Amino acid sequence: MKEYFYLLCAIIFEVIGTTMLKLSDGFSNLAPSIGVIVGFGISFTFLMFALQMIPLSLAYSIWAGLGTAGTGLISIIIFNEILSSINVIGLIIITGVVIMNMSTKPENQTGSNTG
């Protein structure tokens, strides 16, 4: 179960890094620019730990999908961005794909390459 904790942390820090990317204003603001590097660095570190126990296809689809959905929500909450109905449908589809991927059980759950 710790592998999904690592994956959740990777998603959270990916959303933080992406949010800092917006706030960095093209890397012209120092503190958010540092936040981008730190956020993505921590995200990739947690993703690396998760990939030791979760297959790449499953981990990446969850990481990318929930990161995209989380970033979409942050853009609405913090930056007052308006999502079109097409954007909302896209976020729902992404979330659905993530859920579908989580419900399938790959043959090699450990992520090791023993073949």
C-alpha atoms as a PDB file:
ATOM      1  CA  MET A   1       0.000   0.000   0.000  1.00  0.00           C
ATOM      2  CA  LYS A   2       2.959   2.340   0.495  1.00  0.00           C
ATOM      3  CA  GLU A   3       3.460   2.378  -3.274  1.00  0.00           C
ATOM      4  CA  TYR A   4       0.156   4.243  -3.649  1.00  0.00           C
ATOM      5  CA  PHE A   5       1.190   6.659  -0.907  1.00  0.00           C
ATOM      6  CA  TYR A   6       4.345   7.369  -2.934  1.00  0.00           C
ATOM      7  CA  LEU A   7       2.234   7.815  -6.053  1.00  0.00           C
ATOM      8  CA  LEU A   8      -0.148  10.186  -4.254  1.00  0.00           C
ATOM      9  CA  CYS A   9       2.816  12.262  -3.043  1.00  0.00           C
ATOM     10  CA  ALA A  10       4.192  12.318  -6.607  1.00  0.00           C
ATOM     11  CA  ILE A  11       0.850  13.621  -7.874  1.00  0.00           C
ATOM     12  CA  ILE A  12       0.591  16.297  -5.179  1.00  0.00           C
ATOM     13  CA  PHE A  13       4.105  17.603  -5.851  1.00  0.00           C
ATOM     14  CA  GLU A  14       3.519  17.490  -9.616  1.00  0.00           C
ATOM     15  CA  VAL A  15       0.485  19.740  -9.154  1.00  0.00           C
ATOM     16  CA  ILE A  16       2.525  22.028  -6.877  1.00  0.00           C
ATOM     17  CA  GLY A  17       5.333  22.192  -9.451  1.00  0.00           C
ATOM     18  CA  THR A  18       2.906  22.988 -12.249  1.00  0.00           C
ATOM     19  CA  THR A  19       1.215  25.671 -10.148  1.00  0.00           C
ATOM     20  CA  MET A  20       4.606  27.209  -9.406  1.00  0.00           C
ATOM     21  CA  LEU A  21       5.340  27.133 -13.145  1.00  0.00           C
ATOM     22  CA  LYS A  22       2.356  29.404 -13.719  1.00  0.00           C
ATOM     23  CA  LEU A  23       3.401  31.683 -10.833  1.00  0.00           C
ATOM     24  CA  SER A  24       7.022  31.856 -12.043  1.00  0.00           C
ATOM     25  CA  ASP A  25       5.898  33.982 -15.013  1.00  0.00           C
ATOM     26  CA  GLY A  26       8.351  32.447 -17.443  1.00  0.00           C
ATOM     27  CA  PHE A  27      10.943  31.887 -14.713  1.00  0.00           C
ATOM     28  CA  SER A  28      11.143  35.633 -14.070  1.00  0.00           C
ATOM     29  CA  ASN A  29      10.052  35.292 -10.397  1.00  0.00           C
ATOM     30  CA  LEU A  30      12.722  33.581  -8.319  1.00  0.00           C
ATOM     31  CA  ALA A  31      10.720  31.937  -5.513  1.00  0.00           C
ATOM     32  CA  PRO A  32       8.140  30.237  -7.758  1.00  0.00           C
ATOM     33  CA  SER A  33      10.930  29.242 -10.161  1.00  0.00           C
ATOM     34  CA  ILE A  34      12.677  27.447  -7.318  1.00  0.00           C
ATOM     35  CA  GLY A  35       9.285  25.937  -6.442  1.00  0.00           C
ATOM     36  CA  VAL A  36       9.077  24.444  -9.949  1.00  0.00           C
ATOM     37  CA  ILE A  37      12.419  22.704  -9.581  1.00  0.00           C
ATOM     38  CA  VAL A  38      11.727  21.513  -6.035  1.00  0.00           C
ATOM     39  CA  GLY A  39       8.138  20.441  -6.803  1.00  0.00           C
ATOM     40  CA  PHE A  40       9.032  18.408  -9.873  1.00  0.00           C
ATOM     41  CA  GLY A  41      12.194  17.036  -8.232  1.00  0.00           C
ATOM     42  CA  ILE A  42      10.206  15.707  -5.283  1.00  0.00           C
ATOM     43  CA  SER A  43       7.458  14.475  -7.614  1.00  0.00           C
ATOM     44  CA  PHE A  44       9.886  12.471  -9.748  1.00  0.00           C
ATOM     45  CA  THR A  45      11.568  11.092  -6.636  1.00  0.00           C
ATOM     46  CA  PHE A  46       8.261   9.783  -5.266  1.00  0.00           C
ATOM     47  CA  LEU A  47       7.325   8.501  -8.732  1.00  0.00           C
ATOM     48  CA  MET A  48      10.627   6.622  -8.844  1.00  0.00           C
ATOM     49  CA  PHE A  49       9.801   4.922  -5.529  1.00  0.00           C
ATOM     50  CA  ALA A  50       6.291   4.059  -6.730  1.00  0.00           C
ATOM     51  CA  LEU A  51       7.662   2.587  -9.965  1.00  0.00           C
ATOM     52  CA  GLN A  52       9.661   0.066  -7.964  1.00  0.00           C
ATOM     53  CA  MET A  53       6.346  -1.579  -7.003  1.00  0.00           C
ATOM     54  CA  ILE A  54       3.771  -0.443  -9.585  1.00  0.00           C
ATOM     55  CA  PRO A  55       3.995  -1.180 -13.336  1.00  0.00           C
ATOM     56  CA  LEU A  56       4.982   1.847 -15.420  1.00  0.00           C
ATOM     57  CA  SER A  57       1.793   1.920 -17.507  1.00  0.00           C
ATOM     58  CA  LEU A  58      -0.426   1.952 -14.426  1.00  0.00           C
ATOM     59  CA  ALA A  59       1.655   4.403 -12.395  1.00  0.00           C
ATOM     60  CA  TYR A  60       2.127   6.841 -15.250  1.00  0.00           C
ATOM     61  CA  SER A  61      -1.527   6.847 -16.278  1.00  0.00           C
ATOM     62  CA  ILE A  62      -2.589   7.575 -12.695  1.00  0.00           C
ATOM     63  CA  TRP A  63       0.152  10.182 -12.168  1.00  0.00           C
ATOM     64  CA  ALA A  64      -0.519  12.019 -15.417  1.00  0.00           C
ATOM     65  CA  GLY A  65      -4.311  11.753 -15.262  1.00  0.00           C
ATOM     66  CA  LEU A  66      -4.792  12.854 -11.673  1.00  0.00           C
ATOM     67  CA  GLY A  67      -2.060  15.464 -12.059  1.00  0.00           C
ATOM     68  CA  THR A  68      -3.922  16.917 -15.035  1.00  0.00           C
ATOM     69  CA  ALA A  69      -7.247  16.863 -13.197  1.00  0.00           C
ATOM     70  CA  GLY A  70      -5.660  18.368 -10.067  1.00  0.00           C
ATOM     71  CA  THR A  71      -4.010  21.116 -12.085  1.00  0.00           C
ATOM     72  CA  GLY A  72      -7.340  21.866 -13.754  1.00  0.00           C
ATOM     73  CA  LEU A  73      -9.005  22.238 -10.364  1.00  0.00           C
ATOM     74  CA  ILE A  74      -6.184  24.451  -9.073  1.00  0.00           C
ATOM     75  CA  SER A  75      -6.518  26.678 -12.138  1.00  0.00           C
ATOM     76  CA  ILE A  76     -10.183  27.205 -11.281  1.00  0.00           C
ATOM     77  CA  ILE A  77      -9.671  27.722  -7.535  1.00  0.00           C
ATOM     78  CA  ILE A  78      -6.496  29.830  -7.461  1.00  0.00           C
ATOM     79  CA  PHE A  79      -6.363  31.522 -10.857  1.00  0.00           C
ATOM     80  CA  ASN A  80     -10.125  31.922 -11.382  1.00  0.00           C
ATOM     81  CA  GLU A  81      -9.854  30.321 -14.805  1.00  0.00           C
ATOM     82  CA  ILE A  82     -13.038  29.277 -16.509  1.00  0.00           C
ATOM     83  CA  LEU A  83     -13.171  25.798 -17.993  1.00  0.00           C
ATOM     84  CA  SER A  84     -15.424  25.240 -20.946  1.00  0.00           C
ATOM     85  CA  SER A  85     -17.851  22.347 -20.982  1.00  0.00           C
ATOM     86  CA  ILE A  86     -15.411  20.543 -23.299  1.00  0.00           C
ATOM     87  CA  ASN A  87     -12.640  20.994 -20.690  1.00  0.00           C
ATOM     88  CA  VAL A  88     -14.879  19.597 -17.958  1.00  0.00           C
ATOM     89  CA  ILE A  89     -15.809  16.602 -20.111  1.00  0.00           C
ATOM     90  CA  GLY A  90     -12.107  16.041 -20.796  1.00  0.00           C
ATOM     91  CA  LEU A  91     -11.285  16.070 -17.066  1.00  0.00           C
ATOM     92  CA  ILE A  92     -14.105  13.611 -16.402  1.00  0.00           C
ATOM     93  CA  ILE A  93     -12.810  11.316 -19.158  1.00  0.00           C
ATOM     94  CA  ILE A  94      -9.245  11.523 -17.802  1.00  0.00           C
ATOM     95  CA  THR A  95     -10.483  10.626 -14.325  1.00  0.00           C
ATOM     96  CA  GLY A  96     -12.499   7.749 -15.791  1.00  0.00           C
ATOM     97  CA  VAL A  97      -9.463   6.396 -17.633  1.00  0.00           C
ATOM     98  CA  VAL A  98      -7.433   6.554 -14.410  1.00  0.00           C
ATOM     99  CA  ILE A  99     -10.135   4.672 -12.516  1.00  0.00           C
ATOM    100  CA  MET A 100     -10.358   2.046 -15.257  1.00  0.00           C
ATOM    101  CA  ASN A 101      -6.581   1.564 -15.198  1.00  0.00           C
ATOM    102  CA  MET A 102      -6.634   1.180 -11.423  1.00  0.00           C
ATOM    103  CA  SER A 103      -9.277  -1.534 -11.662  1.00  0.00           C
ATOM    104  CA  THR A 104      -7.200  -3.758 -13.946  1.00  0.00           C
ATOM    105  CA  LYS A 105      -4.687  -5.999 -12.256  1.00  0.00           C
ATOM    106  CA  PRO A 106      -1.510  -6.489 -14.326  1.00  0.00           C
ATOM    107  CA  GLU A 107       0.197  -9.875 -14.247  1.00  0.00           C
ATOM    108  CA  ASN A 108       3.435  -8.385 -12.935  1.00  0.00           C
ATOM    109  CA  GLN A 109       2.352  -6.252  -9.972  1.00  0.00           C
ATOM    110  CA  THR A 110       5.885  -5.846  -8.577  1.00  0.00           C
ATOM    111  CA  GLY A 111       7.263  -3.896 -11.511  1.00  0.00           C
ATOM    112  CA  SER A 112      10.408  -6.019 -11.573  1.00  0.00           C
ATOM    113  CA  ASN A 113      11.845  -7.351 -14.796  1.00  0.00           C
ATOM    114  CA  THR A 114      12.598 -11.004 -14.135  1.00  0.00           C
ATOM    115  CA  GLY A 115      12.057 -12.279 -17.694  1.00  0.00           C
END
